[in-house]
Amino acid sequence: MARLVLLDRDGVLNVDRADYVKHPGELVLLPGAAAAVARLNRAGYAVAVCTNQSPIGRGIFDEAMLARIHEALREGLAREGAKLDAIFHCPDAPGPHSTRRKPAPGMLIEALAMFAADAPATPFVGDSLRDLQAAAAIGCPPWRQACPTSCFPLPSTKISARQLPRCWADATWRHSCVWVRRRRCSACSI
């Protein structure tokens, strides 16, 4: 089985914008994100992104522009010695029929299959409730990126304490990477 970490993109790797990241010039990496990915790379983990990209389905930009944005993301990470092994995206606009758009777990399932990874050993780092729901649906440990620039903070009333380890709401990149490397949470000792 491959060692894999799955990440959301906006609000985890880069600043989340209410009006979307529409071109490479709007992509701003979050402080510490590239260093965290580089630490995962050095620890022998494959790192893949699973990101909803509804602006494609909404007609705001196309697949070619998304490819340019993702190239800028890869270049920004590479400047700090980090790399992504894969990027999965769902272009669907919000609606009830998508099996890939988070909170549905379709993209995560595709990533697990591509890397022959085991869901319980594959954390998913996200910044929204829908990220955590997608991970929980297939048994991936969900970790919340506590990002002050995220446009979509986790509503604490939507999910019970029994569904999430107590440390998830306080997860940071440093915290997540410590857990991944040591296979336990140093903040709450689980």
N, C-alpha and C. Protein backbone atom coordinates (compact mmCIF):
# COMPACT_ATOMS: atom_id res chain seq x y z
N MET A 1 0.83 -1.19 0.00
CA MET A 1 0.00 0.00 0.00
C MET A 1 0.87 1.25 0.00
N ALA A 2 0.49 2.20 -0.81
CA ALA A 2 1.21 3.48 -0.87
C ALA A 2 0.86 4.34 0.34
N ARG A 3 1.82 5.16 0.75
CA ARG A 3 1.57 6.15 1.79
C ARG A 3 1.16 7.44 1.09
N LEU A 4 -0.04 7.90 1.40
CA LEU A 4 -0.66 8.99 0.66
C LEU A 4 -1.30 9.97 1.61
N VAL A 5 -1.21 11.25 1.30
CA VAL A 5 -1.96 12.31 1.98
C VAL A 5 -2.75 13.05 0.91
N LEU A 6 -4.03 13.26 1.16
CA LEU A 6 -4.90 13.99 0.25
C LEU A 6 -5.16 15.39 0.81
N LEU A 7 -5.17 16.37 -0.08
CA LEU A 7 -5.37 17.76 0.32
C LEU A 7 -6.45 18.42 -0.52
N ASP A 8 -7.24 19.26 0.10
CA ASP A 8 -8.05 20.20 -0.64
C ASP A 8 -7.08 21.27 -1.16
N ARG A 9 -7.53 22.12 -2.06
CA ARG A 9 -6.63 23.15 -2.59
C ARG A 9 -6.88 24.50 -1.93
N ASP A 10 -8.02 25.12 -2.23
CA ASP A 10 -8.32 26.47 -1.73
C ASP A 10 -8.55 26.46 -0.23
N GLY A 11 -7.79 27.28 0.48
CA GLY A 11 -7.89 27.33 1.93
C GLY A 11 -6.96 26.35 2.63
N VAL A 12 -6.28 25.50 1.86
CA VAL A 12 -5.31 24.55 2.42
C VAL A 12 -3.92 24.84 1.85
N LEU A 13 -3.82 24.90 0.54
CA LEU A 13 -2.55 25.23 -0.11
C LEU A 13 -2.45 26.71 -0.46
N ASN A 14 -3.56 27.28 -0.88
CA ASN A 14 -3.57 28.67 -1.30
C ASN A 14 -4.71 29.42 -0.64
N VAL A 15 -4.62 30.74 -0.69
CA VAL A 15 -5.66 31.59 -0.13
C VAL A 15 -6.97 31.33 -0.88
N ASP A 16 -8.03 31.11 -0.12
CA ASP A 16 -9.35 30.90 -0.68
C ASP A 16 -9.98 32.26 -0.97
N ARG A 17 -10.51 32.42 -2.16
CA ARG A 17 -11.13 33.69 -2.55
C ARG A 17 -12.63 33.48 -2.74
N ALA A 18 -13.43 34.40 -2.22
CA ALA A 18 -14.88 34.31 -2.39
C ALA A 18 -15.27 34.37 -3.86
N ASP A 19 -14.44 35.04 -4.69
CA ASP A 19 -14.72 35.15 -6.13
C ASP A 19 -13.90 34.16 -6.95
N TYR A 20 -13.35 33.15 -6.32
CA TYR A 20 -12.57 32.07 -6.95
C TYR A 20 -11.19 32.54 -7.42
N VAL A 21 -10.28 31.60 -7.50
CA VAL A 21 -8.98 31.83 -8.13
C VAL A 21 -9.24 31.61 -9.62
N LYS A 22 -9.26 32.68 -10.39
CA LYS A 22 -9.69 32.62 -11.78
C LYS A 22 -8.55 32.60 -12.79
N HIS A 23 -7.33 32.95 -12.34
CA HIS A 23 -6.15 32.90 -13.22
C HIS A 23 -4.91 32.78 -12.35
N PRO A 24 -3.80 32.39 -12.93
CA PRO A 24 -2.60 32.14 -12.13
C PRO A 24 -2.17 33.32 -11.26
N GLY A 25 -2.39 34.54 -11.69
CA GLY A 25 -2.00 35.70 -10.92
C GLY A 25 -2.75 35.86 -9.61
N GLU A 26 -3.90 35.20 -9.50
CA GLU A 26 -4.69 35.27 -8.26
C GLU A 26 -4.33 34.17 -7.27
N LEU A 27 -3.47 33.25 -7.66
CA LEU A 27 -3.08 32.15 -6.78
C LEU A 27 -2.01 32.63 -5.81
N VAL A 28 -2.31 32.60 -4.53
CA VAL A 28 -1.37 33.01 -3.48
C VAL A 28 -1.25 31.85 -2.50
N LEU A 29 -0.05 31.29 -2.43
CA LEU A 29 0.17 30.17 -1.50
C LEU A 29 0.05 30.66 -0.06
N LEU A 30 -0.53 29.81 0.78
CA LEU A 30 -0.60 30.11 2.20
C LEU A 30 0.78 29.95 2.83
N PRO A 31 1.11 30.78 3.78
CA PRO A 31 2.40 30.62 4.47
C PRO A 31 2.51 29.24 5.10
N GLY A 32 3.61 28.57 4.85
CA GLY A 32 3.86 27.26 5.42
C GLY A 32 3.34 26.10 4.61
N ALA A 33 2.48 26.34 3.63
CA ALA A 33 1.90 25.24 2.86
C ALA A 33 2.95 24.48 2.07
N ALA A 34 3.81 25.19 1.35
CA ALA A 34 4.84 24.51 0.55
C ALA A 34 5.80 23.75 1.44
N ALA A 35 6.19 24.33 2.55
CA ALA A 35 7.10 23.65 3.48
C ALA A 35 6.46 22.38 4.03
N ALA A 36 5.15 22.43 4.31
CA ALA A 36 4.46 21.25 4.82
C ALA A 36 4.42 20.14 3.78
N VAL A 37 4.13 20.50 2.52
CA VAL A 37 4.11 19.49 1.45
C VAL A 37 5.52 18.92 1.28
N ALA A 38 6.53 19.77 1.34
CA ALA A 38 7.91 19.28 1.21
C ALA A 38 8.25 18.30 2.33
N ARG A 39 7.79 18.58 3.56
CA ARG A 39 8.03 17.65 4.67
C ARG A 39 7.37 16.30 4.40
N LEU A 40 6.15 16.33 3.88
CA LEU A 40 5.47 15.08 3.53
C LEU A 40 6.23 14.34 2.44
N ASN A 41 6.68 15.07 1.42
CA ASN A 41 7.48 14.45 0.34
C ASN A 41 8.71 13.77 0.91
N ARG A 42 9.45 14.47 1.76
CA ARG A 42 10.68 13.91 2.34
C ARG A 42 10.39 12.71 3.23
N ALA A 43 9.21 12.68 3.84
CA ALA A 43 8.84 11.56 4.70
C ALA A 43 8.35 10.36 3.90
N GLY A 44 8.33 10.48 2.57
CA GLY A 44 7.96 9.35 1.72
C GLY A 44 6.48 9.25 1.38
N TYR A 45 5.73 10.32 1.61
CA TYR A 45 4.31 10.31 1.27
C TYR A 45 4.07 10.85 -0.13
N ALA A 46 3.19 10.21 -0.87
CA ALA A 46 2.65 10.81 -2.08
C ALA A 46 1.63 11.85 -1.62
N VAL A 47 1.54 12.95 -2.34
CA VAL A 47 0.61 14.02 -1.98
C VAL A 47 -0.26 14.32 -3.20
N ALA A 48 -1.57 14.25 -3.00
CA ALA A 48 -2.51 14.52 -4.09
C ALA A 48 -3.56 15.52 -3.63
N VAL A 49 -4.01 16.33 -4.56
CA VAL A 49 -5.04 17.33 -4.29
C VAL A 49 -6.37 16.83 -4.85
N CYS A 50 -7.44 17.03 -4.09
CA CYS A 50 -8.81 16.76 -4.53
C CYS A 50 -9.59 18.05 -4.34
N THR A 51 -9.95 18.72 -5.44
CA THR A 51 -10.53 20.06 -5.34
C THR A 51 -11.79 20.22 -6.19
N ASN A 52 -12.83 20.78 -5.58
CA ASN A 52 -14.01 21.19 -6.33
C ASN A 52 -13.65 22.43 -7.12
N GLN A 53 -14.00 22.46 -8.40
CA GLN A 53 -13.74 23.63 -9.24
C GLN A 53 -15.01 24.00 -10.00
N SER A 54 -16.03 24.42 -9.25
CA SER A 54 -17.31 24.77 -9.86
C SER A 54 -17.26 25.94 -10.83
N PRO A 55 -16.25 26.81 -10.79
CA PRO A 55 -16.23 27.88 -11.81
C PRO A 55 -16.22 27.33 -13.24
N ILE A 56 -15.71 26.13 -13.44
CA ILE A 56 -15.75 25.53 -14.78
C ILE A 56 -17.21 25.25 -15.15
N GLY A 57 -17.92 24.58 -14.27
CA GLY A 57 -19.33 24.27 -14.51
C GLY A 57 -20.21 25.50 -14.59
N ARG A 58 -19.79 26.57 -13.96
CA ARG A 58 -20.54 27.83 -13.97
C ARG A 58 -20.17 28.70 -15.17
N GLY A 59 -19.15 28.28 -15.97
CA GLY A 59 -18.74 29.05 -17.14
C GLY A 59 -17.85 30.24 -16.83
N ILE A 60 -17.25 30.28 -15.65
CA ILE A 60 -16.38 31.41 -15.27
C ILE A 60 -15.00 31.28 -15.91
N PHE A 61 -14.47 30.06 -15.96
CA PHE A 61 -13.25 29.78 -16.70
C PHE A 61 -13.30 28.35 -17.20
N ASP A 62 -12.33 27.97 -18.03
CA ASP A 62 -12.37 26.64 -18.65
C ASP A 62 -11.25 25.75 -18.13
N GLU A 63 -11.22 24.52 -18.63
CA GLU A 63 -10.22 23.53 -18.21
C GLU A 63 -8.80 24.00 -18.52
N ALA A 64 -8.62 24.70 -19.63
CA ALA A 64 -7.29 25.19 -19.99
C ALA A 64 -6.78 26.19 -18.95
N MET A 65 -7.65 27.08 -18.48
CA MET A 65 -7.25 28.04 -17.45
C MET A 65 -6.96 27.31 -16.14
N LEU A 66 -7.75 26.31 -15.81
CA LEU A 66 -7.47 25.55 -14.58
C LEU A 66 -6.10 24.88 -14.68
N ALA A 67 -5.76 24.37 -15.84
CA ALA A 67 -4.44 23.75 -16.03
C ALA A 67 -3.33 24.79 -15.79
N ARG A 68 -3.54 26.02 -16.25
CA ARG A 68 -2.54 27.08 -16.02
C ARG A 68 -2.44 27.42 -14.52
N ILE A 69 -3.58 27.47 -13.85
CA ILE A 69 -3.59 27.74 -12.41
C ILE A 69 -2.85 26.64 -11.67
N HIS A 70 -3.10 25.39 -12.05
CA HIS A 70 -2.43 24.27 -11.38
C HIS A 70 -0.94 24.23 -11.70
N GLU A 71 -0.56 24.67 -12.88
CA GLU A 71 0.87 24.76 -13.19
C GLU A 71 1.53 25.81 -12.30
N ALA A 72 0.85 26.92 -12.08
CA ALA A 72 1.38 27.96 -11.17
C ALA A 72 1.47 27.42 -9.74
N LEU A 73 0.51 26.62 -9.34
CA LEU A 73 0.55 26.00 -8.02
C LEU A 73 1.76 25.08 -7.90
N ARG A 74 1.96 24.23 -8.88
CA ARG A 74 3.10 23.31 -8.87
C ARG A 74 4.43 24.08 -8.85
N GLU A 75 4.51 25.16 -9.63
CA GLU A 75 5.74 25.97 -9.67
C GLU A 75 6.00 26.64 -8.32
N GLY A 76 4.95 27.16 -7.70
CA GLY A 76 5.10 27.80 -6.40
C GLY A 76 5.56 26.81 -5.33
N LEU A 77 5.01 25.62 -5.36
CA LEU A 77 5.43 24.58 -4.41
C LEU A 77 6.87 24.15 -4.68
N ALA A 78 7.21 24.00 -5.96
CA ALA A 78 8.55 23.53 -6.34
C ALA A 78 9.64 24.50 -5.88
N ARG A 79 9.32 25.78 -5.83
CA ARG A 79 10.31 26.77 -5.37
C ARG A 79 10.77 26.48 -3.94
N GLU A 80 9.96 25.75 -3.18
CA GLU A 80 10.33 25.38 -1.81
C GLU A 80 10.58 23.89 -1.67
N GLY A 81 10.83 23.22 -2.80
CA GLY A 81 11.18 21.81 -2.76
C GLY A 81 10.02 20.87 -2.56
N ALA A 82 8.81 21.31 -2.87
CA ALA A 82 7.61 20.49 -2.68
C ALA A 82 7.04 20.09 -4.04
N LYS A 83 6.37 18.93 -4.05
CA LYS A 83 5.72 18.51 -5.30
C LYS A 83 4.41 17.82 -5.00
N LEU A 84 3.49 17.94 -5.95
CA LEU A 84 2.23 17.21 -5.90
C LEU A 84 2.34 16.04 -6.86
N ASP A 85 1.90 14.88 -6.41
CA ASP A 85 1.95 13.70 -7.26
C ASP A 85 0.74 13.59 -8.18
N ALA A 86 -0.36 14.25 -7.83
CA ALA A 86 -1.56 14.25 -8.67
C ALA A 86 -2.49 15.36 -8.22
N ILE A 87 -3.28 15.84 -9.15
CA ILE A 87 -4.36 16.78 -8.84
C ILE A 87 -5.63 16.24 -9.47
N PHE A 88 -6.64 16.01 -8.64
CA PHE A 88 -7.96 15.60 -9.09
C PHE A 88 -8.88 16.80 -8.92
N HIS A 89 -9.72 17.06 -9.92
CA HIS A 89 -10.67 18.16 -9.77
C HIS A 89 -12.03 17.75 -10.28
N CYS A 90 -13.04 18.35 -9.70
CA CYS A 90 -14.41 18.14 -10.16
C CYS A 90 -14.91 19.47 -10.70
N PRO A 91 -15.25 19.52 -12.00
CA PRO A 91 -15.68 20.78 -12.61
C PRO A 91 -17.17 21.07 -12.42
N ASP A 92 -17.89 20.18 -11.78
CA ASP A 92 -19.35 20.32 -11.66
C ASP A 92 -19.75 21.52 -10.82
N ALA A 93 -20.79 22.20 -11.26
CA ALA A 93 -21.41 23.23 -10.44
C ALA A 93 -22.18 22.51 -9.33
N PRO A 94 -22.46 23.19 -8.23
CA PRO A 94 -23.21 22.53 -7.15
C PRO A 94 -24.53 21.97 -7.67
N GLY A 95 -24.86 20.81 -7.20
CA GLY A 95 -26.09 20.14 -7.59
C GLY A 95 -26.16 18.78 -6.94
N PRO A 96 -27.31 18.17 -6.97
CA PRO A 96 -27.49 16.91 -6.24
C PRO A 96 -26.97 15.67 -6.94
N HIS A 97 -26.51 15.76 -8.19
CA HIS A 97 -26.23 14.56 -8.96
C HIS A 97 -24.76 14.19 -9.10
N SER A 98 -23.85 14.97 -8.57
CA SER A 98 -22.43 14.68 -8.74
C SER A 98 -21.95 13.68 -7.71
N THR A 99 -21.27 12.65 -8.18
CA THR A 99 -20.66 11.68 -7.26
C THR A 99 -19.21 12.04 -6.96
N ARG A 100 -18.68 13.03 -7.68
CA ARG A 100 -17.28 13.43 -7.49
C ARG A 100 -17.15 14.70 -6.68
N ARG A 101 -18.13 15.59 -6.77
CA ARG A 101 -18.05 16.88 -6.06
C ARG A 101 -18.21 16.65 -4.56
N LYS A 102 -17.23 17.15 -3.79
CA LYS A 102 -17.34 17.04 -2.35
C LYS A 102 -18.58 17.80 -1.88
N PRO A 103 -19.37 17.24 -0.98
CA PRO A 103 -19.04 16.22 0.01
C PRO A 103 -19.11 14.77 -0.46
N ALA A 104 -19.47 14.52 -1.71
CA ALA A 104 -19.40 13.14 -2.22
C ALA A 104 -17.92 12.74 -2.29
N PRO A 105 -17.62 11.47 -2.08
CA PRO A 105 -16.21 11.06 -1.99
C PRO A 105 -15.58 10.60 -3.30
N GLY A 106 -16.21 10.84 -4.44
CA GLY A 106 -15.72 10.29 -5.70
C GLY A 106 -14.27 10.58 -6.03
N MET A 107 -13.84 11.85 -5.87
CA MET A 107 -12.44 12.18 -6.18
C MET A 107 -11.49 11.47 -5.23
N LEU A 108 -11.87 11.37 -3.97
CA LEU A 108 -11.01 10.70 -2.99
C LEU A 108 -10.88 9.22 -3.33
N ILE A 109 -11.98 8.61 -3.75
CA ILE A 109 -11.95 7.20 -4.15
C ILE A 109 -11.02 7.02 -5.35
N GLU A 110 -11.08 7.92 -6.32
CA GLU A 110 -10.19 7.86 -7.49
C GLU A 110 -8.73 7.95 -7.06
N ALA A 111 -8.43 8.86 -6.14
CA ALA A 111 -7.06 9.03 -5.69
C ALA A 111 -6.57 7.78 -4.96
N LEU A 112 -7.39 7.23 -4.09
CA LEU A 112 -7.00 6.01 -3.37
C LEU A 112 -6.71 4.89 -4.36
N ALA A 113 -7.53 4.76 -5.38
CA ALA A 113 -7.33 3.71 -6.38
C ALA A 113 -6.04 3.95 -7.18
N MET A 114 -5.80 5.18 -7.59
CA MET A 114 -4.61 5.49 -8.39
C MET A 114 -3.33 5.15 -7.63
N PHE A 115 -3.32 5.40 -6.34
CA PHE A 115 -2.12 5.17 -5.53
C PHE A 115 -2.15 3.85 -4.77
N ALA A 116 -3.19 3.04 -4.98
CA ALA A 116 -3.36 1.78 -4.25
C ALA A 116 -3.18 2.01 -2.74
N ALA A 117 -3.85 3.05 -2.24
CA ALA A 117 -3.74 3.44 -0.84
C ALA A 117 -4.95 2.96 -0.05
N ASP A 118 -4.76 2.81 1.24
CA ASP A 118 -5.80 2.36 2.16
C ASP A 118 -6.45 3.58 2.81
N ALA A 119 -7.77 3.69 2.74
CA ALA A 119 -8.46 4.87 3.26
C ALA A 119 -8.14 5.16 4.73
N PRO A 120 -8.19 4.18 5.64
CA PRO A 120 -7.91 4.51 7.04
C PRO A 120 -6.49 5.02 7.29
N ALA A 121 -5.58 4.76 6.38
CA ALA A 121 -4.20 5.23 6.53
C ALA A 121 -3.92 6.48 5.71
N THR A 122 -4.97 7.06 5.09
CA THR A 122 -4.80 8.20 4.19
C THR A 122 -5.58 9.40 4.70
N PRO A 123 -4.92 10.33 5.39
CA PRO A 123 -5.63 11.51 5.86
C PRO A 123 -5.99 12.45 4.71
N PHE A 124 -7.10 13.16 4.90
CA PHE A 124 -7.52 14.19 3.96
C PHE A 124 -7.58 15.51 4.72
N VAL A 125 -6.79 16.49 4.27
CA VAL A 125 -6.73 17.80 4.92
C VAL A 125 -7.61 18.75 4.12
N GLY A 126 -8.61 19.31 4.79
CA GLY A 126 -9.51 20.26 4.15
C GLY A 126 -9.83 21.40 5.07
N ASP A 127 -10.52 22.41 4.52
CA ASP A 127 -10.86 23.57 5.34
C ASP A 127 -12.36 23.75 5.51
N SER A 128 -13.16 22.83 4.98
CA SER A 128 -14.61 23.02 5.05
C SER A 128 -15.29 21.74 5.52
N LEU A 129 -16.51 21.89 5.93
CA LEU A 129 -17.30 20.75 6.37
C LEU A 129 -17.43 19.73 5.24
N ARG A 130 -17.61 20.18 4.01
CA ARG A 130 -17.78 19.23 2.90
C ARG A 130 -16.52 18.40 2.69
N ASP A 131 -15.34 18.95 2.97
CA ASP A 131 -14.10 18.18 2.88
C ASP A 131 -14.10 17.07 3.93
N LEU A 132 -14.45 17.44 5.15
CA LEU A 132 -14.46 16.46 6.24
C LEU A 132 -15.51 15.38 5.99
N GLN A 133 -16.65 15.76 5.43
CA GLN A 133 -17.70 14.79 5.13
C GLN A 133 -17.25 13.80 4.06
N ALA A 134 -16.57 14.29 3.02
CA ALA A 134 -16.09 13.40 1.96
C ALA A 134 -15.11 12.39 2.52
N ALA A 135 -14.20 12.84 3.37
CA ALA A 135 -13.22 11.94 3.97
C ALA A 135 -13.90 10.91 4.86
N ALA A 136 -14.78 11.39 5.72
CA ALA A 136 -15.45 10.49 6.66
C ALA A 136 -16.30 9.45 5.94
N ALA A 137 -16.85 9.80 4.79
CA ALA A 137 -17.72 8.88 4.04
C ALA A 137 -17.01 7.61 3.61
N ILE A 138 -15.68 7.70 3.43
CA ILE A 138 -14.94 6.51 2.98
C ILE A 138 -13.89 6.05 3.98
N GLY A 139 -13.89 6.66 5.16
CA GLY A 139 -12.99 6.19 6.20
C GLY A 139 -11.61 6.80 6.22
N CYS A 140 -11.40 7.89 5.45
CA CYS A 140 -10.12 8.62 5.54
C CYS A 140 -10.15 9.51 6.78
N PRO A 141 -9.07 9.56 7.55
CA PRO A 141 -9.05 10.49 8.67
C PRO A 141 -9.13 11.93 8.16
N PRO A 142 -10.20 12.67 8.51
CA PRO A 142 -10.29 14.06 8.05
C PRO A 142 -9.59 15.00 9.02
N TRP A 143 -8.79 15.90 8.45
CA TRP A 143 -8.09 16.90 9.25
C TRP A 143 -8.48 18.27 8.74
N ARG A 144 -8.91 19.12 9.64
CA ARG A 144 -9.31 20.47 9.25
C ARG A 144 -8.13 21.40 9.30
N GLN A 145 -7.88 22.08 8.19
CA GLN A 145 -6.88 23.15 8.14
C GLN A 145 -7.53 24.39 8.73
N ALA A 146 -7.03 24.84 9.84
CA ALA A 146 -7.56 26.06 10.47
C ALA A 146 -6.92 27.25 9.78
N CYS A 147 -7.60 27.75 8.78
CA CYS A 147 -7.02 28.78 7.92
C CYS A 147 -7.75 30.11 8.12
N PRO A 148 -7.06 31.13 8.61
CA PRO A 148 -7.74 32.41 8.82
C PRO A 148 -8.19 33.07 7.52
N THR A 149 -7.66 32.66 6.38
CA THR A 149 -8.07 33.27 5.12
C THR A 149 -9.09 32.43 4.37
N SER A 150 -9.54 31.33 4.98
CA SER A 150 -10.56 30.53 4.31
C SER A 150 -11.88 31.28 4.29
N CYS A 151 -12.57 31.20 3.18
CA CYS A 151 -13.88 31.85 3.07
C CYS A 151 -14.99 30.98 3.66
N PHE A 152 -14.68 29.73 3.95
CA PHE A 152 -15.71 28.80 4.38
C PHE A 152 -15.30 28.09 5.66
N PRO A 153 -15.37 28.78 6.81
CA PRO A 153 -14.98 28.13 8.05
C PRO A 153 -15.93 26.99 8.41
N LEU A 154 -15.41 26.02 9.14
CA LEU A 154 -16.22 24.88 9.56
C LEU A 154 -17.25 25.32 10.57
N PRO A 155 -18.55 25.10 10.30
CA PRO A 155 -19.55 25.42 11.31
C PRO A 155 -19.53 24.33 12.39
N SER A 156 -19.12 24.70 13.58
CA SER A 156 -18.91 23.70 14.63
C SER A 156 -20.19 23.00 15.04
N THR A 157 -21.34 23.56 14.76
CA THR A 157 -22.59 22.95 15.18
C THR A 157 -23.08 21.87 14.21
N LYS A 158 -22.44 21.73 13.06
CA LYS A 158 -22.92 20.81 12.04
C LYS A 158 -22.44 19.37 12.22
N ILE A 159 -21.49 19.15 13.08
CA ILE A 159 -20.92 17.81 13.20
C ILE A 159 -20.64 17.53 14.67
N SER A 160 -20.96 16.35 15.12
CA SER A 160 -20.86 16.07 16.55
C SER A 160 -19.44 15.71 16.94
N ALA A 161 -19.15 15.88 18.22
CA ALA A 161 -17.82 15.56 18.74
C ALA A 161 -17.50 14.08 18.56
N ARG A 162 -18.50 13.22 18.58
CA ARG A 162 -18.25 11.79 18.39
C ARG A 162 -17.78 11.48 16.98
N GLN A 163 -18.10 12.33 16.01
CA GLN A 163 -17.72 12.09 14.63
C GLN A 163 -16.30 12.52 14.32
N LEU A 164 -15.73 13.41 15.11
CA LEU A 164 -14.40 13.93 14.83
C LEU A 164 -13.54 13.89 16.08
N PRO A 165 -12.28 13.47 15.97
CA PRO A 165 -11.39 13.63 17.11
C PRO A 165 -11.33 15.10 17.51
N ARG A 166 -11.19 15.35 18.80
CA ARG A 166 -11.26 16.71 19.30
C ARG A 166 -10.20 17.63 18.70
N CYS A 167 -9.10 17.07 18.23
CA CYS A 167 -8.03 17.93 17.73
C CYS A 167 -8.28 18.42 16.31
N TRP A 168 -9.21 17.85 15.57
CA TRP A 168 -9.38 18.26 14.18
C TRP A 168 -9.70 19.72 14.04
N ALA A 169 -10.52 20.24 14.92
CA ALA A 169 -10.90 21.65 14.81
C ALA A 169 -9.70 22.56 15.03
N ASP A 170 -8.64 22.04 15.64
CA ASP A 170 -7.46 22.85 15.91
C ASP A 170 -6.28 22.48 15.01
N ALA A 171 -6.52 21.63 14.01
CA ALA A 171 -5.42 21.16 13.16
C ALA A 171 -4.78 22.32 12.42
N THR A 172 -3.47 22.29 12.36
CA THR A 172 -2.72 23.23 11.55
C THR A 172 -1.80 22.40 10.67
N TRP A 173 -1.13 23.04 9.74
CA TRP A 173 -0.22 22.27 8.90
C TRP A 173 0.83 21.56 9.74
N ARG A 174 1.39 22.25 10.72
CA ARG A 174 2.41 21.63 11.55
C ARG A 174 1.81 20.42 12.28
N HIS A 175 0.64 20.62 12.83
CA HIS A 175 -0.06 19.56 13.56
C HIS A 175 -0.34 18.37 12.64
N SER A 176 -0.90 18.65 11.46
CA SER A 176 -1.23 17.57 10.53
C SER A 176 0.00 16.77 10.15
N CYS A 177 1.09 17.47 9.85
CA CYS A 177 2.29 16.77 9.41
C CYS A 177 2.93 15.99 10.54
N VAL A 178 2.84 16.49 11.76
CA VAL A 178 3.34 15.71 12.90
C VAL A 178 2.54 14.43 13.02
N TRP A 179 1.20 14.54 12.90
CA TRP A 179 0.35 13.35 13.01
C TRP A 179 0.70 12.34 11.92
N VAL A 180 0.84 12.81 10.70
CA VAL A 180 1.12 11.91 9.59
C VAL A 180 2.45 11.20 9.80
N ARG A 181 3.48 11.94 10.20
CA ARG A 181 4.80 11.33 10.35
C ARG A 181 4.86 10.38 11.54
N ARG A 182 4.18 10.72 12.62
CA ARG A 182 4.28 9.90 13.82
C ARG A 182 3.12 8.94 13.99
N ARG A 183 2.10 9.08 13.13
CA ARG A 183 0.91 8.22 13.18
C ARG A 183 0.11 8.41 14.45
N ARG A 184 0.25 9.56 15.10
CA ARG A 184 -0.60 9.91 16.23
C ARG A 184 -0.65 11.42 16.33
N CYS A 185 -1.63 11.88 17.02
CA CYS A 185 -1.79 13.31 17.17
C CYS A 185 -1.05 13.78 18.40
N SER A 186 -0.06 14.64 18.21
CA SER A 186 0.73 15.11 19.34
C SER A 186 -0.05 16.11 20.20
N ALA A 187 -1.09 16.72 19.66
CA ALA A 187 -1.83 17.73 20.42
C ALA A 187 -2.81 17.11 21.40
N CYS A 188 -3.39 15.97 21.03
CA CYS A 188 -4.39 15.40 21.94
C CYS A 188 -4.10 13.96 22.29
N SER A 189 -2.97 13.44 21.86
CA SER A 189 -2.51 12.09 22.23
C SER A 189 -3.44 10.97 21.80
N ILE A 190 -4.12 11.13 20.66
CA ILE A 190 -4.93 10.00 20.17
C ILE A 190 -4.16 9.24 19.11
